[in-house]
Amino acid sequence: MIGFILSKVARAVITLLVTVTLVFIFIRFSGDPAAALAPPDAPQAVIEQYRRALGLDQPIWVQYAGYLGRIAQGDFGYSIHSGRPSLEIFLDRLPATLRLGSTALVIALISGLTFGSIAALNRGRPIDRLVMGFSVFAFAMPNFLFGLVMILVGSLVFNVYLGGQGATGSWTGLLAPALTLGLASMGSYARFTRSSLLETINKPFMLAAEARGIPYKRRLIRHALPNAAIPLVTLVGLSIGSLIAGSVVTEQVFAWPGVGQLLVRSVATRDIATVQFLVLAIAATMIVANLVVDMLYLVIDPRIRAR
């Protein structure tokens, strides 16, 4: 078990280091931040001054070594526009994103598990086909398009504007972006729950439980659902990171003042320190979510604990 934990932690650290390196390289080769920061008609000498001030005149390996050293000391750089630490800007926006992402996850989990169980228990019936059809629609539909439709319907039909910074304080304002963000996850949860539950119901231990005279509801709740939940944990863990990364588009559509909207603005203004930290934070969230999922296997699956 200790070897399992150490291997998962080592894999997470290596993945995070690779992510840091790739983000650093991609941002350095995606354009000249000094030219973007200087006025449009600035002479080359002024651009060179900006480049020296940002440390971009150094060889890339020197910049990379300095970047890693500063990260190790907890220094993630400063915004070139506001002068504030990138970490401080991120923390200001994080509560809004967490509120949106957690609400979307709860909606997706409850509805996805419910719809998937209903479909599995009514296999082959019209309600099964209806639920699965809706799940495919929810998974395939781009969330930004669904968000735009909700805004149009809310404005034209109900005379309610769904979005804007003022909406962060109301549940009605939160519901629309949360539904939009959780729609794809809801569809995938429903389909995965259906297939996993059907596979578990047909396992020999379920037939043995039936032969022992255990009532159907008890077999379903105590034997089928816990075993069907094991592969679903992986999907939920991956979805947590995807919800935060996916919030970039949803926050932009609903003008939600979270991390996603900050990332879009930082990319547009070539605020490299803020972009580097935000991408690193999103990647770290996905890596940690996967690590937590791996650790949950130790709790759920006794076969892993026995290794």
Protein backbone atom coordinates (compact mmCIF):
# COMPACT_ATOMS: atom_id res chain seq x y z
CA MET A 1 0.00 0.00 0.00
CA ILE A 2 2.87 2.38 0.85
CA GLY A 3 4.44 1.67 -2.55
CA PHE A 4 1.09 2.49 -4.20
CA ILE A 5 0.89 5.85 -2.38
CA LEU A 6 4.52 6.78 -3.14
CA SER A 7 4.17 5.93 -6.83
CA LYS A 8 1.04 8.06 -7.16
CA VAL A 9 2.64 11.04 -5.35
CA ALA A 10 5.81 10.77 -7.47
CA ARG A 11 3.72 10.67 -10.65
CA ALA A 12 1.81 13.78 -9.53
CA VAL A 13 5.03 15.71 -8.80
CA ILE A 14 6.56 14.76 -12.17
CA THR A 15 3.37 15.71 -14.01
CA LEU A 16 3.30 19.09 -12.24
CA LEU A 17 6.97 19.75 -13.13
CA VAL A 18 6.34 18.89 -16.79
CA THR A 19 3.30 21.19 -16.78
CA VAL A 20 5.32 24.07 -15.30
CA THR A 21 8.01 23.59 -17.95
CA LEU A 22 5.57 23.43 -20.87
CA VAL A 23 3.64 26.50 -19.70
CA PHE A 24 6.87 28.46 -19.35
CA ILE A 25 8.08 27.47 -22.85
CA PHE A 26 4.73 28.04 -24.61
CA ILE A 27 4.29 31.51 -23.13
CA ARG A 28 7.84 32.54 -24.03
CA PHE A 29 7.35 31.44 -27.66
CA SER A 30 3.79 32.76 -28.11
CA GLY A 31 4.90 36.34 -28.71
CA ASP A 32 6.89 39.19 -27.23
CA PRO A 33 5.25 40.44 -24.00
CA ALA A 34 7.49 43.54 -24.04
CA ALA A 35 6.19 44.59 -27.49
CA ALA A 36 2.60 44.01 -26.34
CA LEU A 37 3.12 46.04 -23.18
CA ALA A 38 4.80 49.01 -24.89
CA PRO A 39 2.73 51.66 -26.71
CA PRO A 40 1.91 50.78 -30.36
CA ASP A 41 4.23 53.47 -31.76
CA ALA A 42 7.05 52.87 -29.26
CA PRO A 43 10.57 52.76 -30.77
CA GLN A 44 12.69 49.64 -30.52
CA ALA A 45 14.82 51.18 -27.76
CA VAL A 46 11.75 51.50 -25.51
CA ILE A 47 10.73 47.90 -26.22
CA GLU A 48 14.24 46.80 -25.28
CA GLN A 49 13.91 48.68 -21.97
CA TYR A 50 10.65 46.83 -21.27
CA ARG A 51 12.36 43.54 -22.16
CA ARG A 52 15.25 44.20 -19.74
CA ALA A 53 12.83 45.25 -17.00
CA LEU A 54 10.91 41.97 -17.38
CA GLY A 55 14.09 39.90 -17.55
CA LEU A 56 13.28 38.72 -21.06
CA ASP A 57 16.73 39.71 -22.35
CA GLN A 58 18.27 36.79 -20.44
CA PRO A 59 18.82 33.36 -22.08
CA ILE A 60 15.73 31.20 -21.73
CA TRP A 61 17.44 28.63 -19.50
CA VAL A 62 18.44 31.46 -17.10
CA GLN A 63 14.83 32.69 -17.08
CA TYR A 64 13.61 29.12 -16.46
CA ALA A 65 16.03 28.49 -13.59
CA GLY A 66 15.04 31.79 -12.00
CA TYR A 67 11.35 30.97 -12.47
CA LEU A 68 11.70 27.60 -10.72
CA GLY A 69 13.72 29.19 -7.92
CA ARG A 70 11.06 31.84 -7.31
CA ILE A 71 8.28 29.21 -7.34
CA ALA A 72 10.19 27.17 -4.75
CA GLN A 73 10.21 30.29 -2.54
CA GLY A 74 6.49 30.93 -3.06
CA ASP A 75 7.05 33.87 -5.39
CA PHE A 76 4.77 33.45 -8.43
CA GLY A 77 5.51 36.85 -9.95
CA TYR A 78 3.68 40.14 -10.21
CA SER A 79 1.12 41.44 -12.68
CA ILE A 80 2.79 43.78 -15.13
CA HIS A 81 -0.36 45.92 -15.23
CA SER A 82 -1.49 46.23 -11.61
CA GLY A 83 1.81 45.45 -9.87
CA ARG A 84 -0.01 43.09 -7.46
CA PRO A 85 1.24 39.55 -6.77
CA SER A 86 -0.31 36.98 -9.11
CA LEU A 87 -1.20 34.79 -6.13
CA GLU A 88 -3.12 37.65 -4.50
CA ILE A 89 -5.08 38.35 -7.69
CA PHE A 90 -5.88 34.65 -8.02
CA LEU A 91 -7.11 34.38 -4.43
CA ASP A 92 -9.40 37.37 -4.95
CA ARG A 93 -11.12 35.56 -7.83
CA LEU A 94 -11.01 32.01 -6.44
CA PRO A 95 -14.13 32.13 -4.18
CA ALA A 96 -16.41 32.99 -7.10
CA THR A 97 -14.99 30.13 -9.20
CA LEU A 98 -15.24 27.64 -6.33
CA ARG A 99 -18.84 28.63 -5.71
CA LEU A 100 -19.70 28.17 -9.36
CA GLY A 101 -17.73 24.91 -9.77
CA SER A 102 -19.01 23.26 -6.59
CA THR A 103 -22.62 24.10 -7.44
CA ALA A 104 -22.16 22.74 -10.95
CA LEU A 105 -20.62 19.54 -9.56
CA VAL A 106 -23.49 18.98 -7.11
CA ILE A 107 -26.06 19.50 -9.87
CA ALA A 108 -24.19 17.17 -12.24
CA LEU A 109 -23.70 14.45 -9.61
CA ILE A 110 -27.27 14.37 -8.30
CA SER A 111 -28.93 14.53 -11.71
CA GLY A 112 -26.40 12.25 -13.43
CA LEU A 113 -26.58 9.49 -10.81
CA THR A 114 -30.38 9.72 -10.67
CA PHE A 115 -30.87 9.63 -14.44
CA GLY A 116 -28.30 6.84 -14.86
CA SER A 117 -29.91 4.67 -12.18
CA ILE A 118 -33.38 5.23 -13.64
CA ALA A 119 -32.13 4.23 -17.09
CA ALA A 120 -30.37 1.10 -15.79
CA LEU A 121 -33.39 -0.08 -13.80
CA ASN A 122 -35.65 0.47 -16.85
CA ARG A 123 -33.32 -0.98 -19.46
CA GLY A 124 -34.85 -1.19 -22.95
CA ARG A 125 -37.95 0.78 -21.99
CA PRO A 126 -38.92 4.17 -23.47
CA ILE A 127 -37.73 6.03 -20.36
CA ASP A 128 -34.29 4.42 -20.80
CA ARG A 129 -34.03 5.67 -24.37
CA LEU A 130 -35.33 9.11 -23.36
CA VAL A 131 -32.77 9.50 -20.56
CA MET A 132 -29.88 8.27 -22.71
CA GLY A 133 -30.91 10.55 -25.58
CA PHE A 134 -30.90 13.53 -23.25
CA SER A 135 -27.52 12.45 -21.84
CA VAL A 136 -25.97 12.37 -25.31
CA PHE A 137 -27.47 15.79 -26.05
CA ALA A 138 -26.10 17.21 -22.77
CA PHE A 139 -22.64 15.77 -23.39
CA ALA A 140 -22.44 16.85 -27.05
CA MET A 141 -23.84 20.37 -26.76
CA PRO A 142 -21.12 23.04 -26.32
CA ASN A 143 -21.63 24.65 -22.93
CA PHE A 144 -21.12 28.18 -24.24
CA LEU A 145 -23.98 27.66 -26.74
CA PHE A 146 -26.25 26.37 -23.97
CA GLY A 147 -25.29 29.39 -21.88
CA LEU A 148 -26.11 31.82 -24.68
CA VAL A 149 -29.51 30.12 -25.18
CA MET A 150 -30.26 30.47 -21.45
CA ILE A 151 -29.33 34.16 -21.49
CA LEU A 152 -31.55 34.79 -24.54
CA VAL A 153 -34.50 32.86 -23.09
CA GLY A 154 -34.12 34.57 -19.72
CA SER A 155 -33.97 38.03 -21.29
CA LEU A 156 -36.63 37.66 -24.02
CA VAL A 157 -39.12 35.34 -22.30
CA PHE A 158 -38.76 35.99 -18.56
CA ASN A 159 -37.27 39.50 -18.73
CA VAL A 160 -34.41 38.41 -16.43
CA TYR A 161 -30.75 38.97 -17.21
CA LEU A 162 -28.78 35.85 -16.23
CA GLY A 163 -25.24 36.98 -15.67
CA GLY A 164 -23.03 39.85 -14.67
CA GLN A 165 -21.02 40.56 -11.56
CA GLY A 166 -24.14 41.42 -9.62
CA ALA A 167 -25.42 37.86 -10.12
CA THR A 168 -22.71 36.34 -7.89
CA GLY A 169 -24.70 37.26 -4.79
CA SER A 170 -27.98 35.62 -5.83
CA TRP A 171 -28.94 31.97 -6.23
CA THR A 172 -30.93 32.74 -9.39
CA GLY A 173 -27.84 34.32 -10.92
CA LEU A 174 -25.71 31.32 -9.89
CA LEU A 175 -28.10 28.67 -11.20
CA ALA A 176 -27.80 29.52 -14.90
CA PRO A 177 -23.96 29.38 -15.17
CA ALA A 178 -23.84 26.35 -12.84
CA LEU A 179 -26.32 24.45 -15.06
CA THR A 180 -24.30 25.44 -18.10
CA LEU A 181 -21.01 24.31 -16.56
CA GLY A 182 -22.39 21.04 -15.20
CA LEU A 183 -24.38 20.02 -18.28
CA ALA A 184 -21.66 17.93 -20.00
CA SER A 185 -20.63 16.24 -16.73
CA MET A 186 -24.27 15.40 -16.02
CA GLY A 187 -24.57 13.58 -19.36
CA SER A 188 -21.36 11.60 -18.88
CA TYR A 189 -22.30 10.68 -15.26
CA ALA A 190 -25.70 9.39 -16.40
CA ARG A 191 -24.27 7.21 -19.18
CA PHE A 192 -21.44 5.90 -17.03
CA THR A 193 -23.76 5.15 -14.09
CA ARG A 194 -26.13 3.22 -16.36
CA SER A 195 -23.44 1.04 -17.94
CA SER A 196 -21.60 0.46 -14.65
CA LEU A 197 -24.80 -0.45 -12.79
CA LEU A 198 -25.96 -2.84 -15.53
CA GLU A 199 -22.57 -4.55 -15.55
CA THR A 200 -22.63 -4.94 -11.76
CA ILE A 201 -26.21 -6.23 -11.63
CA ASN A 202 -25.24 -9.12 -13.94
CA LYS A 203 -22.18 -10.14 -11.89
CA PRO A 204 -22.18 -13.63 -10.26
CA PHE A 205 -22.18 -12.23 -6.71
CA MET A 206 -25.46 -10.46 -7.44
CA LEU A 207 -27.00 -13.73 -8.66
CA ALA A 208 -25.66 -15.45 -5.53
CA ALA A 209 -27.26 -12.75 -3.35
CA GLU A 210 -30.55 -13.29 -5.15
CA ALA A 211 -30.25 -17.05 -4.58
CA ARG A 212 -29.78 -16.40 -0.84
CA GLY A 213 -33.13 -14.61 -0.82
CA ILE A 214 -31.82 -11.08 -0.22
CA PRO A 215 -34.55 -8.58 -1.19
CA TYR A 216 -34.10 -6.67 -4.46
CA LYS A 217 -33.77 -3.19 -2.89
CA ARG A 218 -31.20 -4.45 -0.39
CA ARG A 219 -29.18 -6.13 -3.16
CA LEU A 220 -29.29 -2.92 -5.16
CA ILE A 221 -28.30 -0.54 -2.33
CA ARG A 222 -25.79 -2.67 -0.38
CA HIS A 223 -24.16 -4.65 -3.19
CA ALA A 224 -24.75 -3.17 -6.64
CA LEU A 225 -24.42 0.59 -6.07
CA PRO A 226 -21.13 0.53 -4.05
CA ASN A 227 -19.45 -1.71 -6.63
CA ALA A 228 -20.78 0.37 -9.51
CA ALA A 229 -19.42 3.53 -7.82
CA ILE A 230 -15.77 2.42 -7.96
CA PRO A 231 -15.13 3.29 -11.64
CA LEU A 232 -17.39 6.34 -11.29
CA VAL A 233 -15.03 7.85 -8.71
CA THR A 234 -12.36 8.21 -11.40
CA LEU A 235 -14.77 10.04 -13.69
CA VAL A 236 -15.85 12.41 -10.91
CA GLY A 237 -12.22 13.18 -10.00
CA LEU A 238 -11.37 14.01 -13.59
CA SER A 239 -14.50 16.13 -13.85
CA ILE A 240 -13.49 18.32 -10.89
CA GLY A 241 -10.46 19.55 -12.78
CA SER A 242 -12.46 19.84 -15.98
CA LEU A 243 -15.13 21.93 -14.26
CA ILE A 244 -12.53 24.49 -13.16
CA ALA A 245 -10.81 24.50 -16.55
CA GLY A 246 -14.18 24.60 -18.32
CA SER A 247 -15.24 27.58 -16.26
CA VAL A 248 -13.01 29.75 -18.48
CA VAL A 249 -15.67 29.77 -21.22
CA THR A 250 -18.71 29.79 -18.93
CA GLU A 251 -17.43 32.67 -16.81
CA GLN A 252 -16.76 34.67 -19.95
CA VAL A 253 -20.28 34.04 -21.31
CA PHE A 254 -22.01 35.02 -18.03
CA ALA A 255 -19.47 37.74 -17.07
CA TRP A 256 -18.82 35.75 -13.89
CA PRO A 257 -15.92 37.42 -12.00
CA GLY A 258 -13.88 34.28 -11.39
CA VAL A 259 -10.52 32.78 -12.30
CA GLY A 260 -11.61 31.87 -15.84
CA GLN A 261 -12.53 35.43 -16.72
CA LEU A 262 -9.25 36.64 -15.19
CA LEU A 263 -7.30 34.15 -17.32
CA VAL A 264 -8.94 35.37 -20.55
CA ARG A 265 -8.17 39.01 -19.70
CA SER A 266 -4.59 38.17 -18.71
CA VAL A 267 -3.97 36.35 -22.00
CA ALA A 268 -5.44 39.28 -23.95
CA THR A 269 -3.16 41.77 -22.18
CA ARG A 270 -0.07 39.49 -22.25
CA ASP A 271 0.23 39.55 -18.46
CA ILE A 272 2.71 36.66 -18.48
CA ALA A 273 3.23 36.24 -14.73
CA THR A 274 -0.51 36.04 -14.09
CA VAL A 275 -1.10 33.70 -17.04
CA GLN A 276 1.72 31.41 -15.90
CA PHE A 277 0.34 31.19 -12.39
CA LEU A 278 -3.29 30.71 -13.43
CA VAL A 279 -2.45 27.89 -15.84
CA LEU A 280 -0.23 26.35 -13.19
CA ALA A 281 -3.01 26.60 -10.59
CA ILE A 282 -5.59 24.98 -12.91
CA ALA A 283 -3.17 22.18 -13.81
CA ALA A 284 -2.28 21.64 -10.15
CA THR A 285 -6.00 21.38 -9.34
CA MET A 286 -6.48 18.61 -11.91
CA ILE A 287 -3.36 16.77 -10.72
CA VAL A 288 -4.38 16.97 -7.07
CA ALA A 289 -7.92 15.85 -7.95
CA ASN A 290 -6.50 12.76 -9.68
CA LEU A 291 -4.23 12.08 -6.72
CA VAL A 292 -7.19 12.25 -4.33
CA VAL A 293 -9.09 9.84 -6.57
CA ASP A 294 -6.18 7.39 -6.45
CA MET A 295 -6.15 7.64 -2.66
CA LEU A 296 -9.91 7.04 -2.55
CA TYR A 297 -9.32 3.68 -4.25
CA LEU A 298 -7.56 2.61 -1.06
CA VAL A 299 -10.76 3.27 0.85
CA ILE A 300 -13.23 1.87 -1.68
CA ASP A 301 -11.39 -1.15 -3.09
CA PRO A 302 -9.95 -3.59 -0.50
CA ARG A 303 -7.97 -5.41 -3.21
CA ILE A 304 -5.62 -2.39 -3.51
CA ARG A 305 -5.10 -2.22 0.28
CA ALA A 306 -4.12 -5.90 0.24
CA ARG A 307 -1.26 -5.39 -2.24
